[in-house]
Amino acid sequence: MAKQTQMVGRVLCIGEIMLEMADVGDGLYKRSFAGDTFNVAHYLNVVSDGDIRADYLTALGDDAQSRECLDYMERHGVSTARCLTDPARTLGLFILSNDASGEKQYGYWRGQSAARHLFDRLQNLSGYELVYLSGITAAITQKKENLLACIEAAKQDGATVAFDYNHRALLWSPEEACAFAEKILKLADLVKISDEELEVLYPGQELTDLSWETPQAEWVLTCGGEKGEAWRAGECLFRQDFEAVPKVVDSSAAGDSFMAAYIEAKLSGKDAAEGLALGHSVASQVVCGKGSIVPIDRTKL
């Protein structure tokens, strides 16, 4: 019997996909496409074995690179039905390198990015079970008030709102990030933050306090692959220590793949413990490959 898949459009990921040039050594670069919210959409499809094919809301140009990017998204299990075309702009570019420990290092060129203007006009986000965005989505968006208004409308329409801080100091200051977070946290049902982001954005503050202030939201805390925690209303639902990956090649998309797995677990009715374990299992494979999008062996999940 043919495998039954869930309807396209159940999940909407919002953000920017860019041309990725990953440094593989000896002056050579691996050319691909990536972006945090696209990475989540892709790994959602992988982890769910094709049962979740997210719509991806972004804007691209009308040039050869953008058309190639659209084809890339479709080939990687992501629906481009919500992708917009901006003939006056195109894709952004980032160069990915890594330090000796495999920690990601980025250089960005996104002044020409069409995705920055995605919410110059209001977008209809209705009809989705879950809507996902990140701090990068917010940081690059020119009209953040429109983004927030659209998320609020989706929430009122019945969507679960998932938000990943994904803080990038090159894009905005901690003060700007926290100002946006204060608004989106009123709407969010699922929030992910890393221990490093917690320290940078809320120095001296514990996740206990943040989760207490937003009792409607489930919080996921990741700690560099060492442990994960799930919190709600000031209480830790589950905490799990993880086995370290022997050799990290590239940490890019580790958090994105973790979040994708956690979202898949929530949509499948799994509990926080299963979500954390699945997230670590996927991210452990992602950090062993070069670039944001790498093959996943589902038999090891």
C-alpha atoms as a PDB file:
ATOM      1  CA  MET A   1       0.000   0.000   0.000  1.00  0.00           C
ATOM      2  CA  ALA A   2       1.299   3.491  -0.817  1.00  0.00           C
ATOM      3  CA  LYS A   3       2.432   5.588   2.121  1.00  0.00           C
ATOM      4  CA  GLN A   4      -0.203   8.138   3.147  1.00  0.00           C
ATOM      5  CA  THR A   5       1.228  11.609   3.698  1.00  0.00           C
ATOM      6  CA  GLN A   6      -0.208  14.581   5.542  1.00  0.00           C
ATOM      7  CA  MET A   7      -1.563  17.500   3.522  1.00  0.00           C
ATOM      8  CA  VAL A   8       0.945  20.090   2.386  1.00  0.00           C
ATOM      9  CA  GLY A   9       0.476  23.311   4.306  1.00  0.00           C
ATOM     10  CA  ARG A  10      -0.088  21.903   7.787  1.00  0.00           C
ATOM     11  CA  VAL A  11       3.087  23.700   8.863  1.00  0.00           C
ATOM     12  CA  LEU A  12       4.332  27.087   7.668  1.00  0.00           C
ATOM     13  CA  CYS A  13       7.945  28.179   8.125  1.00  0.00           C
ATOM     14  CA  ILE A  14       8.729  31.864   7.570  1.00  0.00           C
ATOM     15  CA  GLY A  15      12.083  33.412   6.786  1.00  0.00           C
ATOM     16  CA  GLU A  16      14.987  33.582   4.381  1.00  0.00           C
ATOM     17  CA  ILE A  17      16.878  31.019   2.331  1.00  0.00           C
ATOM     18  CA  MET A  18      20.285  32.107   1.074  1.00  0.00           C
ATOM     19  CA  LEU A  19      23.030  30.941  -1.231  1.00  0.00           C
ATOM     20  CA  GLU A  20      25.440  29.042   1.019  1.00  0.00           C
ATOM     21  CA  MET A  21      29.154  28.761   0.276  1.00  0.00           C
ATOM     22  CA  ALA A  22      30.687  26.329   2.772  1.00  0.00           C
ATOM     23  CA  ASP A  23      34.475  26.322   3.141  1.00  0.00           C
ATOM     24  CA  VAL A  24      35.657  22.727   2.704  1.00  0.00           C
ATOM     25  CA  GLY A  25      39.376  23.544   2.753  1.00  0.00           C
ATOM     26  CA  ASP A  26      42.163  24.055   0.242  1.00  0.00           C
ATOM     27  CA  GLY A  27      40.442  27.145  -1.093  1.00  0.00           C
ATOM     28  CA  LEU A  28      37.373  25.150  -2.146  1.00  0.00           C
ATOM     29  CA  TYR A  29      33.739  25.891  -1.309  1.00  0.00           C
ATOM     30  CA  LYS A  30      30.634  23.699  -1.377  1.00  0.00           C
ATOM     31  CA  ARG A  31      27.774  25.601  -3.011  1.00  0.00           C
ATOM     32  CA  SER A  32      24.261  25.032  -1.708  1.00  0.00           C
ATOM     33  CA  PHE A  33      21.233  26.832  -0.275  1.00  0.00           C
ATOM     34  CA  ALA A  34      20.302  27.197   3.385  1.00  0.00           C
ATOM     35  CA  GLY A  35      18.668  29.384   5.986  1.00  0.00           C
ATOM     36  CA  ASP A  36      17.556  28.643   9.520  1.00  0.00           C
ATOM     37  CA  THR A  37      13.802  28.418   8.949  1.00  0.00           C
ATOM     38  CA  PHE A  38      14.259  26.587   5.645  1.00  0.00           C
ATOM     39  CA  ASN A  39      16.540  24.137   7.464  1.00  0.00           C
ATOM     40  CA  VAL A  40      13.716  23.482   9.924  1.00  0.00           C
ATOM     41  CA  ALA A  41      11.239  22.882   7.093  1.00  0.00           C
ATOM     42  CA  HIS A  42      13.646  20.458   5.407  1.00  0.00           C
ATOM     43  CA  TYR A  43      14.459  18.454   8.539  1.00  0.00           C
ATOM     44  CA  LEU A  44      10.763  18.326   9.466  1.00  0.00           C
ATOM     45  CA  ASN A  45      10.215  16.456   6.222  1.00  0.00           C
ATOM     46  CA  VAL A  46      13.190  14.168   6.843  1.00  0.00           C
ATOM     47  CA  VAL A  47      12.364  13.313  10.456  1.00  0.00           C
ATOM     48  CA  SER A  48       8.692  12.698   9.672  1.00  0.00           C
ATOM     49  CA  ASP A  49       9.673  10.451   6.734  1.00  0.00           C
ATOM     50  CA  GLY A  50       7.732  12.704   4.380  1.00  0.00           C
ATOM     51  CA  ASP A  51       4.600  12.967   6.502  1.00  0.00           C
ATOM     52  CA  ILE A  52       5.196  16.696   7.063  1.00  0.00           C
ATOM     53  CA  ARG A  53       5.971  18.817   4.035  1.00  0.00           C
ATOM     54  CA  ALA A  54       6.008  22.389   5.274  1.00  0.00           C
ATOM     55  CA  ASP A  55       5.113  25.402   3.192  1.00  0.00           C
ATOM     56  CA  TYR A  56       7.950  27.908   3.115  1.00  0.00           C
ATOM     57  CA  LEU A  57       7.030  31.595   3.076  1.00  0.00           C
ATOM     58  CA  THR A  58       9.865  33.686   1.702  1.00  0.00           C
ATOM     59  CA  ALA A  59      10.666  36.038  -1.172  1.00  0.00           C
ATOM     60  CA  LEU A  60      13.226  35.450  -3.898  1.00  0.00           C
ATOM     61  CA  GLY A  61      14.195  37.131  -7.130  1.00  0.00           C
ATOM     62  CA  ASP A  62      13.312  36.337 -10.737  1.00  0.00           C
ATOM     63  CA  ASP A  63      16.820  35.279 -11.731  1.00  0.00           C
ATOM     64  CA  ALA A  64      18.599  32.003 -12.410  1.00  0.00           C
ATOM     65  CA  GLN A  65      19.895  31.639  -8.843  1.00  0.00           C
ATOM     66  CA  SER A  66      16.420  32.119  -7.394  1.00  0.00           C
ATOM     67  CA  ARG A  67      14.869  29.617  -9.781  1.00  0.00           C
ATOM     68  CA  GLU A  68      17.571  27.112  -8.914  1.00  0.00           C
ATOM     69  CA  CYS A  69      16.826  27.739  -5.232  1.00  0.00           C
ATOM     70  CA  LEU A  70      13.129  26.998  -5.751  1.00  0.00           C
ATOM     71  CA  ASP A  71      14.020  23.700  -7.386  1.00  0.00           C
ATOM     72  CA  TYR A  72      16.401  22.919  -4.522  1.00  0.00           C
ATOM     73  CA  MET A  73      13.652  23.479  -1.930  1.00  0.00           C
ATOM     74  CA  GLU A  74      11.224  21.188  -3.740  1.00  0.00           C
ATOM     75  CA  ARG A  75      13.879  18.474  -4.079  1.00  0.00           C
ATOM     76  CA  HIS A  76      14.495  18.715  -0.336  1.00  0.00           C
ATOM     77  CA  GLY A  77      10.885  18.128   0.670  1.00  0.00           C
ATOM     78  CA  VAL A  78       9.769  21.736   1.186  1.00  0.00           C
ATOM     79  CA  SER A  79       6.728  23.228  -0.536  1.00  0.00           C
ATOM     80  CA  THR A  80       7.370  26.447  -2.472  1.00  0.00           C
ATOM     81  CA  ALA A  81       3.675  27.247  -2.880  1.00  0.00           C
ATOM     82  CA  ARG A  82       4.041  30.305  -0.635  1.00  0.00           C
ATOM     83  CA  CYS A  83       7.301  31.610  -2.118  1.00  0.00           C
ATOM     84  CA  LEU A  84       6.986  35.109  -3.581  1.00  0.00           C
ATOM     85  CA  THR A  85       8.886  36.647  -6.484  1.00  0.00           C
ATOM     86  CA  ASP A  86      10.462  40.089  -6.208  1.00  0.00           C
ATOM     87  CA  PRO A  87      11.898  41.029  -9.622  1.00  0.00           C
ATOM     88  CA  ALA A  88      13.802  43.973  -8.135  1.00  0.00           C
ATOM     89  CA  ARG A  89      15.799  41.852  -5.678  1.00  0.00           C
ATOM     90  CA  THR A  90      17.371  38.405  -5.292  1.00  0.00           C
ATOM     91  CA  LEU A  91      18.895  35.982  -2.770  1.00  0.00           C
ATOM     92  CA  GLY A  92      21.280  36.844   0.017  1.00  0.00           C
ATOM     93  CA  LEU A  93      24.653  35.095   0.301  1.00  0.00           C
ATOM     94  CA  PHE A  94      26.584  33.729   3.247  1.00  0.00           C
ATOM     95  CA  ILE A  95      29.994  32.118   3.553  1.00  0.00           C
ATOM     96  CA  LEU A  96      30.253  29.368   6.147  1.00  0.00           C
ATOM     97  CA  SER A  97      33.481  28.385   7.856  1.00  0.00           C
ATOM     98  CA  ASN A  98      34.327  26.587  11.078  1.00  0.00           C
ATOM     99  CA  ASP A  99      36.896  26.870  13.839  1.00  0.00           C
ATOM    100  CA  ALA A 100      38.937  23.927  15.133  1.00  0.00           C
ATOM    101  CA  SER A 101      36.041  22.744  17.313  1.00  0.00           C
ATOM    102  CA  GLY A 102      33.593  22.798  14.408  1.00  0.00           C
ATOM    103  CA  GLU A 103      31.786  25.901  15.668  1.00  0.00           C
ATOM    104  CA  LYS A 104      30.129  27.757  12.799  1.00  0.00           C
ATOM    105  CA  GLN A 105      31.359  31.165  11.625  1.00  0.00           C
ATOM    106  CA  TYR A 106      29.373  33.247   9.153  1.00  0.00           C
ATOM    107  CA  GLY A 107      29.880  36.150   6.808  1.00  0.00           C
ATOM    108  CA  TYR A 108      26.697  37.673   5.319  1.00  0.00           C
ATOM    109  CA  TRP A 109      25.790  39.654   2.209  1.00  0.00           C
ATOM    110  CA  ARG A 110      22.041  40.238   2.259  1.00  0.00           C
ATOM    111  CA  GLY A 111      21.516  43.877   1.289  1.00  0.00           C
ATOM    112  CA  GLN A 112      19.883  42.687  -1.947  1.00  0.00           C
ATOM    113  CA  SER A 113      17.759  40.030  -0.217  1.00  0.00           C
ATOM    114  CA  ALA A 114      14.110  39.981  -1.271  1.00  0.00           C
ATOM    115  CA  ALA A 115      13.193  38.237   1.987  1.00  0.00           C
ATOM    116  CA  ARG A 116      13.936  41.415   3.943  1.00  0.00           C
ATOM    117  CA  HIS A 117      10.860  42.942   2.308  1.00  0.00           C
ATOM    118  CA  LEU A 118       8.561  39.931   2.710  1.00  0.00           C
ATOM    119  CA  PHE A 119       6.331  41.807   5.153  1.00  0.00           C
ATOM    120  CA  ASP A 120       6.323  45.154   3.436  1.00  0.00           C
ATOM    121  CA  ARG A 121       2.732  44.066   2.908  1.00  0.00           C
ATOM    122  CA  LEU A 122       0.554  41.949   5.189  1.00  0.00           C
ATOM    123  CA  GLN A 123       0.617  38.204   4.443  1.00  0.00           C
ATOM    124  CA  ASN A 124      -2.214  35.734   4.988  1.00  0.00           C
ATOM    125  CA  LEU A 125      -0.965  33.038   7.387  1.00  0.00           C
ATOM    126  CA  SER A 126      -4.312  31.333   7.971  1.00  0.00           C
ATOM    127  CA  GLY A 127      -5.006  27.642   7.550  1.00  0.00           C
ATOM    128  CA  TYR A 128      -1.938  26.241   9.330  1.00  0.00           C
ATOM    129  CA  GLU A 129      -1.692  24.034  12.374  1.00  0.00           C
ATOM    130  CA  LEU A 130       1.717  25.452  13.258  1.00  0.00           C
ATOM    131  CA  VAL A 131       3.543  28.618  12.175  1.00  0.00           C
ATOM    132  CA  TYR A 132       7.282  28.828  12.792  1.00  0.00           C
ATOM    133  CA  LEU A 133       9.611  31.832  12.758  1.00  0.00           C
ATOM    134  CA  SER A 134      12.955  32.764  14.257  1.00  0.00           C
ATOM    135  CA  GLY A 135      14.893  35.706  15.580  1.00  0.00           C
ATOM    136  CA  ILE A 136      16.650  35.842  12.211  1.00  0.00           C
ATOM    137  CA  THR A 137      13.277  36.142  10.478  1.00  0.00           C
ATOM    138  CA  ALA A 138      12.474  39.099  12.701  1.00  0.00           C
ATOM    139  CA  ALA A 139      15.912  40.713  12.537  1.00  0.00           C
ATOM    140  CA  ILE A 140      15.996  40.920   8.746  1.00  0.00           C
ATOM    141  CA  THR A 141      12.341  41.956   8.335  1.00  0.00           C
ATOM    142  CA  GLN A 142      12.010  45.636   7.483  1.00  0.00           C
ATOM    143  CA  LYS A 143       8.448  46.011   8.758  1.00  0.00           C
ATOM    144  CA  LYS A 144       8.366  44.003  11.957  1.00  0.00           C
ATOM    145  CA  GLU A 145       4.989  45.423  12.954  1.00  0.00           C
ATOM    146  CA  ASN A 146       3.442  43.709   9.923  1.00  0.00           C
ATOM    147  CA  LEU A 147       5.155  40.440  10.807  1.00  0.00           C
ATOM    148  CA  LEU A 148       3.758  40.566  14.331  1.00  0.00           C
ATOM    149  CA  ALA A 149       0.280  41.482  13.097  1.00  0.00           C
ATOM    150  CA  CYS A 150       0.281  38.489  10.741  1.00  0.00           C
ATOM    151  CA  ILE A 151       1.467  36.117  13.466  1.00  0.00           C
ATOM    152  CA  GLU A 152      -1.246  37.407  15.785  1.00  0.00           C
ATOM    153  CA  ALA A 153      -3.875  36.814  13.089  1.00  0.00           C
ATOM    154  CA  ALA A 154      -2.578  33.258  12.562  1.00  0.00           C
ATOM    155  CA  LYS A 155      -2.779  32.670  16.311  1.00  0.00           C
ATOM    156  CA  GLN A 156      -6.374  33.870  16.355  1.00  0.00           C
ATOM    157  CA  ASP A 157      -7.049  31.512  13.443  1.00  0.00           C
ATOM    158  CA  GLY A 158      -5.981  28.605  15.655  1.00  0.00           C
ATOM    159  CA  ALA A 159      -2.336  28.107  14.736  1.00  0.00           C
ATOM    160  CA  THR A 160       0.309  27.041  17.219  1.00  0.00           C
ATOM    161  CA  VAL A 161       3.137  29.600  17.119  1.00  0.00           C
ATOM    162  CA  ALA A 162       6.712  28.333  17.444  1.00  0.00           C
ATOM    163  CA  PHE A 163       9.633  30.740  17.886  1.00  0.00           C
ATOM    164  CA  ASP A 164      13.383  30.104  18.014  1.00  0.00           C
ATOM    165  CA  TYR A 165      15.522  32.971  19.317  1.00  0.00           C
ATOM    166  CA  ASN A 166      18.418  32.117  16.948  1.00  0.00           C
ATOM    167  CA  HIS A 167      20.168  35.316  17.991  1.00  0.00           C
ATOM    168  CA  ARG A 168      22.780  36.711  15.590  1.00  0.00           C
ATOM    169  CA  ALA A 169      24.794  39.638  16.936  1.00  0.00           C
ATOM    170  CA  LEU A 170      25.646  40.736  13.382  1.00  0.00           C
ATOM    171  CA  LEU A 171      21.959  41.341  12.658  1.00  0.00           C
ATOM    172  CA  TRP A 172      20.757  43.228  15.721  1.00  0.00           C
ATOM    173  CA  SER A 173      21.608  44.136  19.297  1.00  0.00           C
ATOM    174  CA  PRO A 174      20.483  42.230  22.390  1.00  0.00           C
ATOM    175  CA  GLU A 175      18.212  45.170  23.196  1.00  0.00           C
ATOM    176  CA  GLU A 176      16.525  44.972  19.801  1.00  0.00           C
ATOM    177  CA  ALA A 177      16.198  41.198  20.036  1.00  0.00           C
ATOM    178  CA  CYS A 178      14.640  41.392  23.495  1.00  0.00           C
ATOM    179  CA  ALA A 179      12.241  44.132  22.414  1.00  0.00           C
ATOM    180  CA  PHE A 180      10.905  41.882  19.661  1.00  0.00           C
ATOM    181  CA  ALA A 181      10.896  38.847  21.953  1.00  0.00           C
ATOM    182  CA  GLU A 182       8.735  40.702  24.466  1.00  0.00           C
ATOM    183  CA  LYS A 183       6.059  40.998  21.768  1.00  0.00           C
ATOM    184  CA  ILE A 184       6.319  37.579  20.135  1.00  0.00           C
ATOM    185  CA  LEU A 185       6.392  35.747  23.481  1.00  0.00           C
ATOM    186  CA  LYS A 186       2.834  36.924  24.112  1.00  0.00           C
ATOM    187  CA  LEU A 187       1.812  34.870  21.080  1.00  0.00           C
ATOM    188  CA  ALA A 188       4.212  31.924  21.220  1.00  0.00           C
ATOM    189  CA  ASP A 189       3.229  28.403  22.273  1.00  0.00           C
ATOM    190  CA  LEU A 190       6.680  26.840  21.769  1.00  0.00           C
ATOM    191  CA  VAL A 191       9.961  28.686  22.303  1.00  0.00           C
ATOM    192  CA  LYS A 192      13.557  27.536  21.863  1.00  0.00           C
ATOM    193  CA  ILE A 193      16.586  29.279  23.340  1.00  0.00           C
ATOM    194  CA  SER A 194      20.180  28.149  23.863  1.00  0.00           C
ATOM    195  CA  ASP A 195      22.158  28.584  27.055  1.00  0.00           C
ATOM    196  CA  GLU A 196      24.445  31.047  25.215  1.00  0.00           C
ATOM    197  CA  GLU A 197      21.495  33.100  24.017  1.00  0.00           C
ATOM    198  CA  LEU A 198      20.027  33.108  27.516  1.00  0.00           C
ATOM    199  CA  GLU A 199      23.281  34.509  28.881  1.00  0.00           C
ATOM    200  CA  VAL A 200      23.646  37.164  26.173  1.00  0.00           C
ATOM    201  CA  LEU A 201      20.034  38.324  26.048  1.00  0.00           C
ATOM    202  CA  TYR A 202      19.031  37.896  29.692  1.00  0.00           C
ATOM    203  CA  PRO A 203      22.239  38.052  31.750  1.00  0.00           C
ATOM    204  CA  GLY A 204      21.742  36.746  35.269  1.00  0.00           C
ATOM    205  CA  GLN A 205      18.225  35.557  34.540  1.00  0.00           C
ATOM    206  CA  GLU A 206      17.120  31.925  34.755  1.00  0.00           C
ATOM    207  CA  LEU A 207      14.789  30.131  32.374  1.00  0.00           C
ATOM    208  CA  THR A 208      12.566  29.570  35.391  1.00  0.00           C
ATOM    209  CA  ASP A 209      11.708  33.262  35.322  1.00  0.00           C
ATOM    210  CA  LEU A 210      11.115  33.492  31.577  1.00  0.00           C
ATOM    211  CA  SER A 211       8.870  30.450  31.501  1.00  0.00           C
ATOM    212  CA  TRP A 212       6.963  31.689  34.538  1.00  0.00           C
ATOM    213  CA  GLU A 213       6.292  35.011  32.784  1.00  0.00           C
ATOM    214  CA  THR A 214       4.922  33.168  29.719  1.00  0.00           C
ATOM    215  CA  PRO A 215       2.943  30.276  31.228  1.00  0.00           C
ATOM    216  CA  GLN A 216       1.173  29.468  27.935  1.00  0.00           C
ATOM    217  CA  ALA A 217       4.450  28.559  26.243  1.00  0.00           C
ATOM    218  CA  GLU A 218       6.573  25.444  26.381  1.00  0.00           C
ATOM    219  CA  TRP A 219      10.261  26.391  26.444  1.00  0.00           C
ATOM    220  CA  VAL A 220      13.104  24.275  25.099  1.00  0.00           C
ATOM    221  CA  LEU A 221      16.633  24.996  26.325  1.00  0.00           C
ATOM    222  CA  THR A 222      19.603  23.558  24.428  1.00  0.00           C
ATOM    223  CA  CYS A 223      23.103  23.518  25.860  1.00  0.00           C
ATOM    224  CA  GLY A 224      25.717  22.929  23.165  1.00  0.00           C
ATOM    225  CA  GLY A 225      24.767  19.295  22.611  1.00  0.00           C
ATOM    226  CA  GLU A 226      25.428  18.463  26.269  1.00  0.00           C
ATOM    227  CA  LYS A 227      21.866  18.559  27.561  1.00  0.00           C
ATOM    228  CA  GLY A 228      18.333  19.681  26.794  1.00  0.00           C
ATOM    229  CA  GLU A 229      15.528  20.899  29.003  1.00  0.00           C
ATOM    230  CA  ALA A 230      11.786  21.492  28.574  1.00  0.00           C
ATOM    231  CA  TRP A 231      10.023  24.051  30.774  1.00  0.00           C
ATOM    232  CA  ARG A 232       6.519  25.345  31.324  1.00  0.00           C
ATOM    233  CA  ALA A 233       5.183  27.915  33.791  1.00  0.00           C
ATOM    234  CA  GLY A 234       8.378  27.981  35.829  1.00  0.00           C
ATOM    235  CA  GLU A 235       8.714  24.221  36.166  1.00  0.00           C
ATOM    236  CA  CYS A 236      11.122  21.887  34.400  1.00  0.00           C
ATOM    237  CA  LEU A 237       9.101  19.219  32.608  1.00  0.00           C
ATOM    238  CA  PHE A 238      12.131  17.139  31.685  1.00  0.00           C
ATOM    239  CA  ARG A 239      15.907  17.407  31.648  1.00  0.00           C
ATOM    240  CA  GLN A 240      18.180  15.085  29.713  1.00  0.00           C
ATOM    241  CA  ASP A 241      21.967  14.812  29.497  1.00  0.00           C
ATOM    242  CA  PHE A 242      23.274  13.814  26.095  1.00  0.00           C
ATOM    243  CA  GLU A 243      26.238  11.776  24.974  1.00  0.00           C
ATOM    244  CA  ALA A 244      28.778  14.065  23.347  1.00  0.00           C
ATOM    245  CA  VAL A 245      29.472  13.753  19.629  1.00  0.00           C
ATOM    246  CA  PRO A 246      33.108  12.574  19.298  1.00  0.00           C
ATOM    247  CA  LYS A 247      33.997  14.933  16.455  1.00  0.00           C
ATOM    248  CA  VAL A 248      31.932  17.973  15.478  1.00  0.00           C
ATOM    249  CA  VAL A 249      32.645  18.895  11.850  1.00  0.00           C
ATOM    250  CA  ASP A 250      30.180  21.769  11.473  1.00  0.00           C
ATOM    251  CA  SER A 251      27.688  23.020  14.050  1.00  0.00           C
ATOM    252  CA  SER A 252      25.571  24.927  11.513  1.00  0.00           C
ATOM    253  CA  ALA A 253      21.900  23.830  11.489  1.00  0.00           C
ATOM    254  CA  ALA A 254      22.356  21.804  14.675  1.00  0.00           C
ATOM    255  CA  GLY A 255      19.782  23.915  16.486  1.00  0.00           C
ATOM    256  CA  ASP A 256      17.523  24.046  13.438  1.00  0.00           C
ATOM    257  CA  SER A 257      17.443  20.267  13.054  1.00  0.00           C
ATOM    258  CA  PHE A 258      16.893  19.915  16.819  1.00  0.00           C
ATOM    259  CA  MET A 259      13.915  22.266  16.629  1.00  0.00           C
ATOM    260  CA  ALA A 260      12.520  20.454  13.591  1.00  0.00           C
ATOM    261  CA  ALA A 261      12.626  17.155  15.446  1.00  0.00           C
ATOM    262  CA  TYR A 262      11.040  18.655  18.549  1.00  0.00           C
ATOM    263  CA  ILE A 263       8.220  20.146  16.490  1.00  0.00           C
ATOM    264  CA  GLU A 264       7.663  16.814  14.739  1.00  0.00           C
ATOM    265  CA  ALA A 265       7.476  15.123  18.124  1.00  0.00           C
ATOM    266  CA  LYS A 266       4.884  17.635  19.360  1.00  0.00           C
ATOM    267  CA  LEU A 267       2.765  17.287  16.224  1.00  0.00           C
ATOM    268  CA  SER A 268       2.947  13.488  16.551  1.00  0.00           C
ATOM    269  CA  GLY A 269       1.722  13.556  20.137  1.00  0.00           C
ATOM    270  CA  LYS A 270       5.059  12.655  21.735  1.00  0.00           C
ATOM    271  CA  ASP A 271       6.062  14.082  25.121  1.00  0.00           C
ATOM    272  CA  ALA A 272       8.950  16.423  25.967  1.00  0.00           C
ATOM    273  CA  ALA A 273      11.323  13.583  26.811  1.00  0.00           C
ATOM    274  CA  GLU A 274      10.820  11.987  23.401  1.00  0.00           C
ATOM    275  CA  GLY A 275      11.141  15.372  21.712  1.00  0.00           C
ATOM    276  CA  LEU A 276      14.466  16.142  23.377  1.00  0.00           C
ATOM    277  CA  ALA A 277      15.855  12.700  22.578  1.00  0.00           C
ATOM    278  CA  LEU A 278      14.774  12.909  18.937  1.00  0.00           C
ATOM    279  CA  GLY A 279      16.165  16.421  18.620  1.00  0.00           C
ATOM    280  CA  HIS A 280      19.566  15.358  19.893  1.00  0.00           C
ATOM    281  CA  SER A 281      19.592  12.269  17.692  1.00  0.00           C
ATOM    282  CA  VAL A 282      19.055  14.327  14.532  1.00  0.00           C
ATOM    283  CA  ALA A 283      21.403  17.160  15.498  1.00  0.00           C
ATOM    284  CA  SER A 284      24.130  14.610  16.312  1.00  0.00           C
ATOM    285  CA  GLN A 285      24.118  13.527  12.690  1.00  0.00           C
ATOM    286  CA  VAL A 286      23.890  17.052  11.290  1.00  0.00           C
ATOM    287  CA  VAL A 287      27.053  18.240  13.074  1.00  0.00           C
ATOM    288  CA  CYS A 288      29.040  15.397  11.514  1.00  0.00           C
ATOM    289  CA  GLY A 289      28.554  16.723   7.983  1.00  0.00           C
ATOM    290  CA  LYS A 290      29.695  19.884   6.242  1.00  0.00           C
ATOM    291  CA  GLY A 291      27.061  22.496   5.486  1.00  0.00           C
ATOM    292  CA  SER A 292      23.539  23.070   6.777  1.00  0.00           C
ATOM    293  CA  ILE A 293      21.782  20.360   4.793  1.00  0.00           C
ATOM    294  CA  VAL A 294      23.290  16.894   5.203  1.00  0.00           C
ATOM    295  CA  PRO A 295      21.944  13.335   4.734  1.00  0.00           C
ATOM    296  CA  ILE A 296      20.223  11.765   7.741  1.00  0.00           C
ATOM    297  CA  ASP A 297      20.148   8.042   8.486  1.00  0.00           C
ATOM    298  CA  ARG A 298      16.614   7.567   9.829  1.00  0.00           C
ATOM    299  CA  THR A 299      17.460   4.082  11.114  1.00  0.00           C
ATOM    300  CA  LYS A 300      19.590   5.770  13.780  1.00  0.00           C
ATOM    301  CA  LEU A 301      16.811   8.034  15.054  1.00  0.00           C
END
